[in-house]
């Protein structure tokens, strides 16, 4: 029995690897192909077709976004570390990622938000929560692609689970829960598909076109957070994926601000970028300066602290978490805060939720922006960090 189970496990992994390799090769083909066309256009500016150039850039960007999503799914699936919970409101999370949601769904799909104004707070990992919602949105997008009516709706509400309700809510402990649900107008699922849709590596997509990690990651995240996931689906009537997270009564509810358009607001503040890779530092600097911010760049923690010690005006420290030398981004942020207690901080990392780096150094008190990030996401999160409180609840 043990040998049979091991063979089945290896077969599942083989299927997963084939799907991942297929997906990445296709995405790399799209990115490299369209970038080559863009390079040819730049070599002969007199023959540039603006519409064609815009289309080529858009397709390369979309492929890069899909590759980033796939990478984060794999990292989340393989992660064994404890999640870093923070008190937040799901309404604020949904509103804050509205730009990403609309870009993911595309212009052909109507996106609606129906959020309970008195939604309870909960304590969850915000980065993983965004990834979970994004995974469900991607599935919803694919589900409605061939439908005449293409709608996706996000709803939130409060739920109280009693002793007699526990089984109906996937054995949730009795108590109060904040819930967010994503409903699509797709074809729906058969009972057979519905029974397996949470299994790792299970996918209804064509062979080689999906890893089947999305919903299993969502399920694992909800469980690790003390919550649950429930699916409602019927063929011909669409699907609803509902997530439940334990309410946190330690922080009084405050109506969240709609930060969905935060990236549109031009800045004027001073930002210290700390990044050991010059190409990434240059990219962040160009994006931020083009949007009105003043920037300083350091390639390690020591030079960043030297800059602060010289009295340079800095409103936000934006630092990578992994850097050369003895001081990583978390230690740098804490040392910078010791010097300037009101300094705003945002860290960035290539890991899906930064929990690998945080395990040794802590750091859950700081906002974390996951790589790869888009221009809009960097500007949105920068504005949120600058407008938000110093530190976290």
Protein backbone atom coordinates (compact mmCIF):
# COMPACT_ATOMS: atom_id res chain seq x y z
CA UNK A 1 0.00 0.00 0.00
CA UNK A 2 2.85 2.36 0.84
CA UNK A 3 4.56 1.71 -2.49
CA UNK A 4 1.28 2.25 -4.36
CA UNK A 5 0.70 5.53 -2.56
CA UNK A 6 4.24 6.65 -3.39
CA UNK A 7 3.76 5.78 -7.08
CA UNK A 8 0.49 7.73 -7.13
CA UNK A 9 2.21 10.68 -5.47
CA UNK A 10 5.01 10.64 -8.07
CA UNK A 11 2.44 10.40 -10.87
CA UNK A 12 0.65 13.48 -9.52
CA UNK A 13 3.94 15.35 -9.29
CA UNK A 14 4.83 14.35 -12.85
CA UNK A 15 1.50 15.65 -14.11
CA UNK A 16 2.05 18.86 -12.20
CA UNK A 17 5.58 19.34 -13.59
CA UNK A 18 4.36 18.75 -17.15
CA UNK A 19 1.62 21.30 -16.71
CA UNK A 20 3.98 23.85 -15.18
CA UNK A 21 6.63 23.35 -17.89
CA UNK A 22 3.98 23.70 -20.60
CA UNK A 23 2.55 26.86 -19.04
CA UNK A 24 5.94 28.50 -18.49
CA UNK A 25 7.21 27.66 -21.98
CA UNK A 26 4.11 29.19 -23.52
CA UNK A 27 4.39 32.30 -21.34
CA UNK A 28 8.10 32.67 -22.11
CA UNK A 29 7.32 32.33 -25.81
CA UNK A 30 4.76 35.12 -25.59
CA UNK A 31 7.04 37.42 -23.59
CA UNK A 32 10.19 36.89 -25.67
CA UNK A 33 8.29 37.01 -28.98
CA UNK A 34 6.47 40.26 -28.32
CA UNK A 35 9.55 41.88 -26.74
CA UNK A 36 11.47 41.05 -29.92
CA UNK A 37 8.77 42.76 -31.99
CA UNK A 38 8.93 45.79 -29.69
CA UNK A 39 12.72 45.88 -30.11
CA UNK A 40 12.34 45.86 -33.90
CA UNK A 41 9.88 48.75 -33.68
CA UNK A 42 12.32 50.78 -31.58
CA UNK A 43 15.07 50.22 -34.18
CA UNK A 44 12.98 52.00 -36.83
CA UNK A 45 10.96 54.74 -35.06
CA UNK A 46 9.63 56.11 -38.35
CA UNK A 47 7.62 52.94 -38.98
CA UNK A 48 6.12 52.53 -35.49
CA UNK A 49 2.43 51.65 -35.49
CA UNK A 50 1.15 52.98 -32.12
CA UNK A 51 -1.80 50.57 -31.95
CA UNK A 52 0.34 47.56 -32.80
CA UNK A 53 3.00 48.62 -30.30
CA UNK A 54 0.38 49.03 -27.58
CA UNK A 55 -1.05 45.59 -28.35
CA UNK A 56 2.40 43.95 -28.27
CA UNK A 57 3.27 45.58 -24.94
CA UNK A 58 -0.08 44.53 -23.48
CA UNK A 59 0.34 40.90 -24.48
CA UNK A 60 3.87 40.73 -23.09
CA UNK A 61 2.68 42.29 -19.83
CA UNK A 62 -0.26 39.89 -19.56
CA UNK A 63 2.08 36.91 -20.01
CA UNK A 64 4.41 38.25 -17.31
CA UNK A 65 1.46 38.68 -14.94
CA UNK A 66 0.33 35.10 -15.58
CA UNK A 67 3.86 33.81 -14.95
CA UNK A 68 3.99 35.69 -11.65
CA UNK A 69 0.65 34.24 -10.59
CA UNK A 70 1.82 30.71 -11.41
CA UNK A 71 5.04 31.19 -9.45
CA UNK A 72 3.15 32.44 -6.40
CA UNK A 73 0.78 29.47 -6.59
CA UNK A 74 3.76 27.10 -6.53
CA UNK A 75 5.40 28.91 -3.62
CA UNK A 76 2.16 28.94 -1.66
CA UNK A 77 1.59 25.25 -2.38
CA UNK A 78 5.10 24.27 -1.21
CA UNK A 79 5.17 26.58 1.85
CA UNK A 80 5.41 24.95 5.27
CA UNK A 81 5.93 28.09 7.35
CA UNK A 82 3.38 29.62 9.66
CA UNK A 83 1.26 32.38 8.13
CA UNK A 84 1.82 35.92 9.44
CA UNK A 85 -1.61 37.13 10.54
CA UNK A 86 -2.57 40.80 10.67
CA UNK A 87 -5.83 42.41 11.69
CA UNK A 88 -7.61 43.68 8.58
CA UNK A 89 -11.04 44.13 7.09
CA UNK A 90 -11.94 42.08 4.03
CA UNK A 91 -13.84 45.03 2.55
CA UNK A 92 -10.63 47.05 2.54
CA UNK A 93 -8.76 44.13 0.99
CA UNK A 94 -11.34 43.76 -1.80
CA UNK A 95 -11.47 47.51 -2.48
CA UNK A 96 -7.71 47.76 -2.40
CA UNK A 97 -7.26 45.12 -5.10
CA UNK A 98 -10.08 46.32 -7.36
CA UNK A 99 -7.61 47.51 -10.02
CA UNK A 100 -5.95 44.09 -10.07
CA UNK A 101 -9.33 42.35 -10.19
CA UNK A 102 -10.58 44.44 -13.11
CA UNK A 103 -7.33 43.93 -15.00
CA UNK A 104 -7.46 40.18 -14.37
CA UNK A 105 -11.07 39.84 -15.49
CA UNK A 106 -10.73 42.08 -18.54
CA UNK A 107 -13.09 44.60 -20.12
CA UNK A 108 -15.59 42.00 -21.37
CA UNK A 109 -16.58 40.89 -17.85
CA UNK A 110 -18.79 42.99 -15.55
CA UNK A 111 -17.29 43.20 -12.05
CA UNK A 112 -19.52 44.05 -9.09
CA UNK A 113 -18.85 44.58 -5.36
CA UNK A 114 -21.59 44.21 -2.75
CA UNK A 115 -19.86 44.68 0.60
CA UNK A 116 -21.47 44.67 4.04
CA UNK A 117 -20.80 48.08 5.64
CA UNK A 118 -20.47 46.58 9.14
CA UNK A 119 -18.20 43.66 8.25
CA UNK A 120 -16.18 42.30 11.18
CA UNK A 121 -12.39 42.42 11.12
CA UNK A 122 -10.33 39.23 10.92
CA UNK A 123 -6.67 38.28 11.42
CA UNK A 124 -5.13 36.77 8.28
CA UNK A 125 -2.03 37.04 6.12
CA UNK A 126 -2.90 39.90 3.71
CA UNK A 127 -0.59 38.80 0.90
CA UNK A 128 -1.92 35.25 0.89
CA UNK A 129 -5.48 36.56 1.18
CA UNK A 130 -5.01 38.63 -1.97
CA UNK A 131 -3.52 35.62 -3.76
CA UNK A 132 -6.44 33.43 -2.68
CA UNK A 133 -9.01 35.93 -3.96
CA UNK A 134 -7.04 36.39 -7.18
CA UNK A 135 -7.00 32.63 -7.78
CA UNK A 136 -10.77 32.45 -7.40
CA UNK A 137 -11.18 35.45 -9.73
CA UNK A 138 -9.03 33.75 -12.37
CA UNK A 139 -11.23 30.65 -12.19
CA UNK A 140 -14.33 32.85 -12.42
CA UNK A 141 -12.90 34.62 -15.47
CA UNK A 142 -12.28 31.31 -17.23
CA UNK A 143 -15.73 30.03 -16.25
CA UNK A 144 -17.62 32.92 -17.89
CA UNK A 145 -15.39 33.24 -20.98
CA UNK A 146 -17.79 31.37 -23.29
CA UNK A 147 -21.03 32.69 -21.77
CA UNK A 148 -23.33 35.35 -23.19
CA UNK A 149 -23.68 36.97 -19.76
CA UNK A 150 -20.25 37.50 -18.20
CA UNK A 151 -20.51 38.70 -14.63
CA UNK A 152 -18.41 38.26 -11.50
CA UNK A 153 -19.63 39.55 -8.14
CA UNK A 154 -17.78 39.82 -4.82
CA UNK A 155 -19.93 39.94 -1.68
CA UNK A 156 -19.05 40.14 2.00
CA UNK A 157 -21.12 39.52 5.11
CA UNK A 158 -20.92 38.45 8.75
CA UNK A 159 -21.69 34.86 9.78
CA UNK A 160 -22.32 33.42 13.24
CA UNK A 161 -21.78 29.65 13.40
CA UNK A 162 -23.58 27.82 16.20
CA UNK A 163 -22.93 24.36 17.63
CA UNK A 164 -25.58 22.83 15.38
CA UNK A 165 -24.16 24.58 12.27
CA UNK A 166 -20.57 23.37 12.52
CA UNK A 167 -20.87 20.41 10.15
CA UNK A 168 -22.62 22.49 7.48
CA UNK A 169 -19.70 24.94 7.58
CA UNK A 170 -16.95 22.35 7.01
CA UNK A 171 -16.60 21.69 10.76
CA UNK A 172 -15.90 25.31 11.66
CA UNK A 173 -15.63 25.98 15.38
CA UNK A 174 -18.67 27.84 16.73
CA UNK A 175 -18.15 31.59 16.66
CA UNK A 176 -18.20 34.72 14.53
CA UNK A 177 -16.74 34.79 11.02
CA UNK A 178 -16.15 37.38 8.30
CA UNK A 179 -17.00 35.95 4.91
CA UNK A 180 -16.21 36.94 1.33
CA UNK A 181 -17.85 35.21 -1.64
CA UNK A 182 -17.08 35.33 -5.37
CA UNK A 183 -19.94 34.38 -7.70
CA UNK A 184 -19.64 33.90 -11.46
CA UNK A 185 -22.26 33.52 -14.19
CA UNK A 186 -20.45 30.56 -15.75
CA UNK A 187 -21.79 27.16 -16.72
CA UNK A 188 -21.34 25.69 -13.25
CA UNK A 189 -19.95 22.29 -12.25
CA UNK A 190 -21.33 18.80 -12.16
CA UNK A 191 -21.47 16.99 -8.79
CA UNK A 192 -18.52 14.82 -9.86
CA UNK A 193 -16.32 17.82 -10.66
CA UNK A 194 -17.49 19.69 -7.55
CA UNK A 195 -16.40 16.75 -5.38
CA UNK A 196 -12.81 16.90 -6.69
CA UNK A 197 -12.25 20.56 -7.48
CA UNK A 198 -10.29 21.22 -4.26
CA UNK A 199 -7.88 18.31 -4.84
CA UNK A 200 -4.26 19.26 -5.63
CA UNK A 201 -3.41 18.90 -9.34
CA UNK A 202 -7.07 18.46 -10.33
CA UNK A 203 -8.08 20.73 -13.21
CA UNK A 204 -10.86 20.82 -15.79
CA UNK A 205 -8.62 22.63 -18.27
CA UNK A 206 -7.06 20.93 -21.27
CA UNK A 207 -3.99 18.78 -20.66
CA UNK A 208 -0.92 20.92 -20.08
CA UNK A 209 -2.89 24.15 -19.70
CA UNK A 210 -3.34 24.23 -15.94
CA UNK A 211 -1.62 22.93 -12.82
CA UNK A 212 -4.73 22.53 -10.68
CA UNK A 213 -3.06 24.28 -7.74
CA UNK A 214 -5.31 27.34 -7.49
CA UNK A 215 -8.28 26.17 -5.42
CA UNK A 216 -6.20 23.73 -3.38
CA UNK A 217 -4.04 26.69 -2.35
CA UNK A 218 -7.17 28.68 -1.45
CA UNK A 219 -8.47 25.76 0.63
CA UNK A 220 -5.14 25.34 2.42
CA UNK A 221 -4.88 29.04 3.19
CA UNK A 222 -8.40 29.20 4.63
CA UNK A 223 -7.76 26.13 6.79
CA UNK A 224 -4.43 27.47 8.06
CA UNK A 225 -6.19 30.72 8.95
CA UNK A 226 -8.77 28.90 11.08
CA UNK A 227 -11.48 29.29 8.46
CA UNK A 228 -13.10 27.31 5.70
CA UNK A 229 -14.11 27.30 2.03
CA UNK A 230 -17.54 26.30 0.74
CA UNK A 231 -18.46 25.84 -2.90
CA UNK A 232 -21.93 26.14 -4.38
CA UNK A 233 -22.38 25.18 -8.01
CA UNK A 234 -25.01 23.83 -10.33
CA UNK A 235 -24.69 23.15 -14.03
CA UNK A 236 -26.18 26.04 -15.96
CA UNK A 237 -26.32 28.35 -12.93
CA UNK A 238 -22.73 29.38 -12.18
CA UNK A 239 -20.51 28.92 -9.13
CA UNK A 240 -19.99 30.64 -5.79
CA UNK A 241 -16.79 30.23 -3.77
CA UNK A 242 -17.26 31.45 -0.20
CA UNK A 243 -14.36 31.92 2.24
CA UNK A 244 -14.80 32.21 6.02
CA UNK A 245 -12.26 33.68 8.44
CA UNK A 246 -12.58 33.98 12.25
CA UNK A 247 -13.64 37.47 13.31
CA UNK A 248 -11.15 39.35 15.48
CA UNK A 249 -12.82 41.43 18.19
CA UNK A 250 -9.57 42.89 19.54
CA UNK A 251 -9.73 45.84 17.17
CA UNK A 252 -12.84 47.99 16.86
CA UNK A 253 -14.26 48.06 13.36
CA UNK A 254 -13.31 51.11 11.30
CA UNK A 255 -14.88 51.74 7.90
CA UNK A 256 -12.18 51.00 5.33
CA UNK A 257 -11.23 53.61 2.75
CA UNK A 258 -11.70 52.69 -0.89
CA UNK A 259 -8.10 52.53 -2.07
CA UNK A 260 -8.89 50.93 -5.41
CA UNK A 261 -7.81 54.09 -7.29
CA UNK A 262 -4.87 54.96 -5.04
CA UNK A 263 -2.42 54.43 -7.91
CA UNK A 264 -3.96 57.42 -9.76
CA UNK A 265 -2.90 59.94 -7.10
CA UNK A 266 0.42 61.60 -7.90
CA UNK A 267 2.96 61.78 -5.11
CA UNK A 268 5.47 64.30 -3.82
CA UNK A 269 7.04 62.47 -0.88
CA UNK A 270 10.63 61.24 -0.59
CA UNK A 271 11.25 57.47 -0.86
CA UNK A 272 14.43 55.56 -0.01
CA UNK A 273 14.76 52.48 -2.25
CA UNK A 274 17.07 49.79 -0.87
CA UNK A 275 17.74 47.05 -3.44
CA UNK A 276 20.93 45.14 -4.26
CA UNK A 277 19.87 44.45 -7.86
CA UNK A 278 20.51 47.61 -9.95
CA UNK A 279 17.96 46.66 -12.61
CA UNK A 280 15.13 46.31 -10.08
CA UNK A 281 16.21 49.47 -8.25
CA UNK A 282 16.27 51.43 -11.53
CA UNK A 283 12.81 50.15 -12.45
CA UNK A 284 11.29 51.14 -9.10
CA UNK A 285 13.03 54.51 -9.25
CA UNK A 286 11.71 55.29 -12.75
CA UNK A 287 8.14 54.29 -11.85
CA UNK A 288 8.10 56.34 -8.66
CA UNK A 289 9.83 59.42 -10.10
CA UNK A 290 7.54 59.44 -13.15
CA UNK A 291 4.65 59.63 -10.68
CA UNK A 292 6.07 62.66 -8.85
CA UNK A 293 7.97 61.07 -5.96
CA UNK A 294 11.52 62.02 -4.96
CA UNK A 295 13.80 58.99 -4.63
CA UNK A 296 17.12 57.95 -3.13
CA UNK A 297 18.70 54.57 -3.91
CA UNK A 298 20.98 52.44 -1.71
CA UNK A 299 22.27 48.99 -2.62
CA UNK A 300 22.68 47.72 0.94
CA UNK A 301 21.49 48.35 4.48
CA UNK A 302 24.64 50.13 5.66
CA UNK A 303 24.50 52.82 2.98
CA UNK A 304 20.77 53.25 3.63
CA UNK A 305 21.39 53.90 7.34
CA UNK A 306 24.27 56.25 6.47
CA UNK A 307 21.86 58.26 4.32
CA UNK A 308 19.36 58.48 7.18
CA UNK A 309 22.12 59.49 9.60
CA UNK A 310 23.05 62.40 7.31
CA UNK A 311 19.57 63.82 7.91
CA UNK A 312 18.21 63.21 4.41
CA UNK A 313 14.45 63.70 4.26
CA UNK A 314 12.74 60.31 3.79
CA UNK A 315 9.02 59.63 4.12
CA UNK A 316 9.03 55.95 3.13
CA UNK A 317 11.63 53.19 3.31
CA UNK A 318 11.08 50.70 0.46
CA UNK A 319 13.50 47.81 0.95
CA UNK A 320 14.08 44.31 -0.35
CA UNK A 321 14.00 41.68 2.40
CA UNK A 322 17.03 39.67 1.24
CA UNK A 323 20.24 41.69 0.84
CA UNK A 324 23.98 41.09 1.04
CA UNK A 325 25.75 41.62 4.35
CA UNK A 326 24.69 40.96 7.91
CA UNK A 327 21.56 43.12 7.86
CA UNK A 328 18.46 42.01 5.95
CA UNK A 329 15.47 44.19 5.11
CA UNK A 330 13.58 43.47 8.34
CA UNK A 331 16.55 44.35 10.54
CA UNK A 332 17.16 47.47 8.44
CA UNK A 333 13.53 48.54 8.82
CA UNK A 334 13.65 48.13 12.59
CA UNK A 335 16.93 50.01 12.85
CA UNK A 336 15.56 52.79 10.63
CA UNK A 337 12.45 53.00 12.82
CA UNK A 338 14.67 53.22 15.91
CA UNK A 339 16.29 56.30 14.37
CA UNK A 340 13.03 57.71 12.99
CA UNK A 341 9.99 56.31 14.83
CA UNK A 342 7.46 57.85 12.43
CA UNK A 343 9.11 56.53 9.26
CA UNK A 344 6.75 54.59 6.98
CA UNK A 345 8.08 51.21 5.81
CA UNK A 346 7.24 48.85 2.96
CA UNK A 347 9.27 45.72 2.28
CA UNK A 348 9.38 43.64 -0.90
CA UNK A 349 10.26 40.01 -1.61
CA UNK A 350 10.21 37.36 -4.30
CA UNK A 351 8.51 34.87 -1.97
CA UNK A 352 4.76 34.40 -2.10
CA UNK A 353 4.08 35.66 1.41
CA UNK A 354 7.51 36.47 2.84
CA UNK A 355 6.99 33.91 5.58
CA UNK A 356 10.27 32.16 4.78
CA UNK A 357 12.28 35.29 5.51
CA UNK A 358 10.08 36.36 8.41
CA UNK A 359 10.47 33.03 10.20
CA UNK A 360 14.00 33.87 11.32
CA UNK A 361 13.80 37.64 11.57
CA UNK A 362 10.16 38.36 12.32
CA UNK A 363 8.95 41.41 10.44
CA UNK A 364 5.20 40.86 10.44
CA UNK A 365 4.77 44.48 11.61
CA UNK A 366 5.70 45.77 8.14
CA UNK A 367 3.77 45.92 4.87
CA UNK A 368 5.14 43.54 2.23
CA UNK A 369 4.84 43.93 -1.56
CA UNK A 370 5.35 40.64 -3.39
CA UNK A 371 7.50 40.43 -6.53
CA UNK A 372 6.82 40.54 -9.39
CA UNK A 373 4.79 43.71 -9.00
CA UNK A 374 3.28 45.88 -11.71
CA UNK A 375 3.63 49.64 -12.03
CA UNK A 376 0.05 50.12 -10.82
CA UNK A 377 0.55 47.81 -7.87
CA UNK A 378 3.76 49.55 -6.78
CA UNK A 379 2.06 52.95 -6.96
CA UNK A 380 -1.07 51.70 -5.19
CA UNK A 381 0.80 50.07 -2.33
CA UNK A 382 3.19 53.03 -2.01
CA UNK A 383 0.26 55.41 -1.64
CA UNK A 384 -1.39 53.10 0.89
CA UNK A 385 1.82 52.86 2.94
CA UNK A 386 2.29 56.63 2.95
CA UNK A 387 -1.33 57.36 3.85
CA UNK A 388 -1.62 54.60 6.44
CA UNK A 389 -0.53 54.57 10.08
CA UNK A 390 3.04 53.96 11.17
CA UNK A 391 3.17 50.24 11.89
CA UNK A 392 0.19 47.90 11.98
CA UNK A 393 -2.66 47.06 14.33
